[in-house]
């Protein structure tokens, strides 16, 4: 009798890879290669309710004291990266649209242009503008 094939968890970030080979290593502490990879891993952290990763990847100058996953949370439905603009070696911006639904409500499209900074070889989310 053969063993069942292992279950491969797809990564919610939209790159079409397995979580273990995509955002999983970043959640385990590996640095993101660029601002887009960090942004995708932060989206996945929201999907998974990983407040510790969100705080660790948020720049200290804008990091909130706490992230609340106790209130009703959205169900994240997908991510579409529209642009990844490198400003210089230590600054980048990523524009994306994330789709979600809260409860039985309508699907919401959240568009954000996020700013990132690189310090000591690691990218951090600074802030973003919603449109």
C-alpha atoms as a PDB file:
ATOM      1  CA  UNK A   1       0.000   0.000   0.000  1.00  0.00           C
ATOM      2  CA  UNK A   2       1.475   3.366  -1.003  1.00  0.00           C
ATOM      3  CA  UNK A   3       1.626   6.374   1.244  1.00  0.00           C
ATOM      4  CA  UNK A   4      -0.618   9.304   0.363  1.00  0.00           C
ATOM      5  CA  UNK A   5       1.160  12.213  -1.269  1.00  0.00           C
ATOM      6  CA  UNK A   6       2.107  14.970   1.167  1.00  0.00           C
ATOM      7  CA  UNK A   7      -0.226  17.934   1.217  1.00  0.00           C
ATOM      8  CA  UNK A   8       1.456  20.983  -0.271  1.00  0.00           C
ATOM      9  CA  UNK A   9       0.046  24.192   1.163  1.00  0.00           C
ATOM     10  CA  UNK A  10      -0.141  26.845  -1.561  1.00  0.00           C
ATOM     11  CA  UNK A  11       1.115  30.301  -0.626  1.00  0.00           C
ATOM     12  CA  UNK A  12      -1.713  32.874  -0.521  1.00  0.00           C
ATOM     13  CA  UNK A  13       0.608  35.620  -1.845  1.00  0.00           C
ATOM     14  CA  UNK A  14      -0.299  34.849  -5.452  1.00  0.00           C
ATOM     15  CA  UNK A  15       3.069  33.744  -6.795  1.00  0.00           C
ATOM     16  CA  UNK A  16       1.839  30.197  -7.410  1.00  0.00           C
ATOM     17  CA  UNK A  17       4.414  28.489  -5.192  1.00  0.00           C
ATOM     18  CA  UNK A  18       4.144  26.372  -2.075  1.00  0.00           C
ATOM     19  CA  UNK A  19       4.065  28.323   1.194  1.00  0.00           C
ATOM     20  CA  UNK A  20       7.153  26.437   2.449  1.00  0.00           C
ATOM     21  CA  UNK A  21       9.174  27.647  -0.560  1.00  0.00           C
ATOM     22  CA  UNK A  22       7.677  31.133  -0.790  1.00  0.00           C
ATOM     23  CA  UNK A  23       6.636  33.239   2.226  1.00  0.00           C
ATOM     24  CA  UNK A  24       7.230  30.506   4.822  1.00  0.00           C
ATOM     25  CA  UNK A  25      10.998  31.136   5.087  1.00  0.00           C
ATOM     26  CA  UNK A  26      10.388  34.867   5.604  1.00  0.00           C
ATOM     27  CA  UNK A  27       7.899  34.101   8.383  1.00  0.00           C
ATOM     28  CA  UNK A  28      10.602  31.904   9.935  1.00  0.00           C
ATOM     29  CA  UNK A  29      13.104  34.805   9.968  1.00  0.00           C
ATOM     30  CA  UNK A  30      14.793  34.911   6.558  1.00  0.00           C
ATOM     31  CA  UNK A  31      15.180  38.433   5.125  1.00  0.00           C
ATOM     32  CA  UNK A  32      13.032  39.413   2.145  1.00  0.00           C
ATOM     33  CA  UNK A  33      14.932  39.811  -1.118  1.00  0.00           C
ATOM     34  CA  UNK A  34      13.077  43.017  -1.933  1.00  0.00           C
ATOM     35  CA  UNK A  35      10.154  45.196  -0.870  1.00  0.00           C
ATOM     36  CA  UNK A  36       7.666  43.255  -2.997  1.00  0.00           C
ATOM     37  CA  UNK A  37       8.607  39.970  -1.330  1.00  0.00           C
ATOM     38  CA  UNK A  38       8.169  41.605   2.081  1.00  0.00           C
ATOM     39  CA  UNK A  39       4.797  43.044   1.088  1.00  0.00           C
ATOM     40  CA  UNK A  40       3.613  39.657  -0.176  1.00  0.00           C
ATOM     41  CA  UNK A  41       4.779  37.991   3.052  1.00  0.00           C
ATOM     42  CA  UNK A  42       2.916  40.622   5.090  1.00  0.00           C
ATOM     43  CA  UNK A  43      -0.280  39.911   3.120  1.00  0.00           C
ATOM     44  CA  UNK A  44       0.152  36.218   3.952  1.00  0.00           C
ATOM     45  CA  UNK A  45       0.688  37.130   7.615  1.00  0.00           C
ATOM     46  CA  UNK A  46      -2.695  38.883   7.577  1.00  0.00           C
ATOM     47  CA  UNK A  47      -4.248  35.804   5.951  1.00  0.00           C
ATOM     48  CA  UNK A  48      -2.712  33.582   8.660  1.00  0.00           C
ATOM     49  CA  UNK A  49      -3.305  35.989  11.584  1.00  0.00           C
ATOM     50  CA  UNK A  50       0.422  36.250  12.353  1.00  0.00           C
ATOM     51  CA  UNK A  51       0.621  39.464  14.407  1.00  0.00           C
ATOM     52  CA  UNK A  52       4.200  38.731  15.546  1.00  0.00           C
ATOM     53  CA  UNK A  53       5.486  38.703  11.962  1.00  0.00           C
ATOM     54  CA  UNK A  54       3.538  41.825  11.077  1.00  0.00           C
ATOM     55  CA  UNK A  55       5.059  43.711  14.014  1.00  0.00           C
ATOM     56  CA  UNK A  56       8.576  42.391  13.286  1.00  0.00           C
ATOM     57  CA  UNK A  57       8.365  43.492   9.640  1.00  0.00           C
ATOM     58  CA  UNK A  58       6.941  46.947  10.485  1.00  0.00           C
ATOM     59  CA  UNK A  59       9.470  49.772  10.818  1.00  0.00           C
ATOM     60  CA  UNK A  60       9.947  50.856  14.443  1.00  0.00           C
ATOM     61  CA  UNK A  61       9.085  54.484  13.580  1.00  0.00           C
ATOM     62  CA  UNK A  62       5.507  53.605  12.565  1.00  0.00           C
ATOM     63  CA  UNK A  63       4.894  50.205  14.217  1.00  0.00           C
ATOM     64  CA  UNK A  64       1.653  50.029  16.229  1.00  0.00           C
ATOM     65  CA  UNK A  65       1.810  48.891  19.845  1.00  0.00           C
ATOM     66  CA  UNK A  66      -0.487  45.961  19.097  1.00  0.00           C
ATOM     67  CA  UNK A  67      -2.275  44.288  16.213  1.00  0.00           C
ATOM     68  CA  UNK A  68      -5.766  43.074  17.085  1.00  0.00           C
ATOM     69  CA  UNK A  69      -6.907  39.808  15.564  1.00  0.00           C
ATOM     70  CA  UNK A  70      -9.697  39.417  18.166  1.00  0.00           C
ATOM     71  CA  UNK A  71     -12.402  41.391  16.341  1.00  0.00           C
ATOM     72  CA  UNK A  72     -14.156  39.843  13.330  1.00  0.00           C
ATOM     73  CA  UNK A  73     -11.451  39.514  10.701  1.00  0.00           C
ATOM     74  CA  UNK A  74     -11.744  39.754   6.951  1.00  0.00           C
ATOM     75  CA  UNK A  75     -11.437  36.677   4.810  1.00  0.00           C
ATOM     76  CA  UNK A  76      -8.634  37.568   2.397  1.00  0.00           C
ATOM     77  CA  UNK A  77      -9.491  36.515  -1.149  1.00  0.00           C
ATOM     78  CA  UNK A  78      -6.492  37.496  -3.226  1.00  0.00           C
ATOM     79  CA  UNK A  79      -3.593  39.804  -3.902  1.00  0.00           C
ATOM     80  CA  UNK A  80      -2.635  41.572  -7.118  1.00  0.00           C
ATOM     81  CA  UNK A  81       0.659  43.474  -7.162  1.00  0.00           C
ATOM     82  CA  UNK A  82       0.364  46.388  -9.591  1.00  0.00           C
ATOM     83  CA  UNK A  83       3.838  47.934  -9.268  1.00  0.00           C
ATOM     84  CA  UNK A  84       7.169  47.554  -7.455  1.00  0.00           C
ATOM     85  CA  UNK A  85       9.181  50.742  -7.743  1.00  0.00           C
ATOM     86  CA  UNK A  86      12.738  50.873  -6.415  1.00  0.00           C
ATOM     87  CA  UNK A  87      13.448  54.459  -5.336  1.00  0.00           C
ATOM     88  CA  UNK A  88      17.057  53.767  -4.310  1.00  0.00           C
ATOM     89  CA  UNK A  89      19.029  51.011  -2.554  1.00  0.00           C
ATOM     90  CA  UNK A  90      17.202  51.645   0.734  1.00  0.00           C
ATOM     91  CA  UNK A  91      13.722  52.750  -0.357  1.00  0.00           C
ATOM     92  CA  UNK A  92      10.973  51.188  -2.458  1.00  0.00           C
ATOM     93  CA  UNK A  93       7.242  51.405  -3.025  1.00  0.00           C
ATOM     94  CA  UNK A  94       4.768  48.655  -3.837  1.00  0.00           C
ATOM     95  CA  UNK A  95       1.274  49.237  -5.169  1.00  0.00           C
ATOM     96  CA  UNK A  96      -1.221  46.436  -4.735  1.00  0.00           C
ATOM     97  CA  UNK A  97      -4.884  45.526  -4.611  1.00  0.00           C
ATOM     98  CA  UNK A  98      -6.027  43.066  -1.943  1.00  0.00           C
ATOM     99  CA  UNK A  99      -9.539  41.650  -2.010  1.00  0.00           C
ATOM    100  CA  UNK A 100     -11.391  40.637   1.125  1.00  0.00           C
ATOM    101  CA  UNK A 101     -14.829  40.072   2.609  1.00  0.00           C
ATOM    102  CA  UNK A 102     -16.055  40.530   6.177  1.00  0.00           C
ATOM    103  CA  UNK A 103     -18.805  38.131   7.208  1.00  0.00           C
ATOM    104  CA  UNK A 104     -21.374  37.772   4.471  1.00  0.00           C
ATOM    105  CA  UNK A 105     -20.694  41.246   3.106  1.00  0.00           C
ATOM    106  CA  UNK A 106     -19.650  42.280  -0.357  1.00  0.00           C
ATOM    107  CA  UNK A 107     -16.112  41.846  -1.620  1.00  0.00           C
ATOM    108  CA  UNK A 108     -13.942  44.891  -0.884  1.00  0.00           C
ATOM    109  CA  UNK A 109     -10.977  45.906  -3.026  1.00  0.00           C
ATOM    110  CA  UNK A 110      -8.305  47.650  -0.973  1.00  0.00           C
ATOM    111  CA  UNK A 111      -5.732  49.526  -3.073  1.00  0.00           C
ATOM    112  CA  UNK A 112      -2.592  50.719  -1.309  1.00  0.00           C
ATOM    113  CA  UNK A 113       0.725  52.243  -2.295  1.00  0.00           C
ATOM    114  CA  UNK A 114       3.094  51.105   0.459  1.00  0.00           C
ATOM    115  CA  UNK A 115       6.487  52.539   1.362  1.00  0.00           C
ATOM    116  CA  UNK A 116       9.389  50.366   2.496  1.00  0.00           C
ATOM    117  CA  UNK A 117      12.844  51.049   3.873  1.00  0.00           C
ATOM    118  CA  UNK A 118      15.900  48.773   3.994  1.00  0.00           C
ATOM    119  CA  UNK A 119      18.042  48.848   7.135  1.00  0.00           C
ATOM    120  CA  UNK A 120      20.900  46.493   8.003  1.00  0.00           C
ATOM    121  CA  UNK A 121      20.019  44.260   5.049  1.00  0.00           C
ATOM    122  CA  UNK A 122      16.337  43.881   5.975  1.00  0.00           C
ATOM    123  CA  UNK A 123      13.253  45.471   4.405  1.00  0.00           C
ATOM    124  CA  UNK A 124      10.581  47.006   6.643  1.00  0.00           C
ATOM    125  CA  UNK A 125       7.088  48.306   5.925  1.00  0.00           C
ATOM    126  CA  UNK A 126       6.849  52.012   6.827  1.00  0.00           C
ATOM    127  CA  UNK A 127       3.371  53.151   5.799  1.00  0.00           C
ATOM    128  CA  UNK A 128       1.012  53.385   2.869  1.00  0.00           C
ATOM    129  CA  UNK A 129      -1.608  55.459   1.139  1.00  0.00           C
ATOM    130  CA  UNK A 130      -5.011  53.914   0.506  1.00  0.00           C
ATOM    131  CA  UNK A 131      -6.917  54.899  -2.595  1.00  0.00           C
END
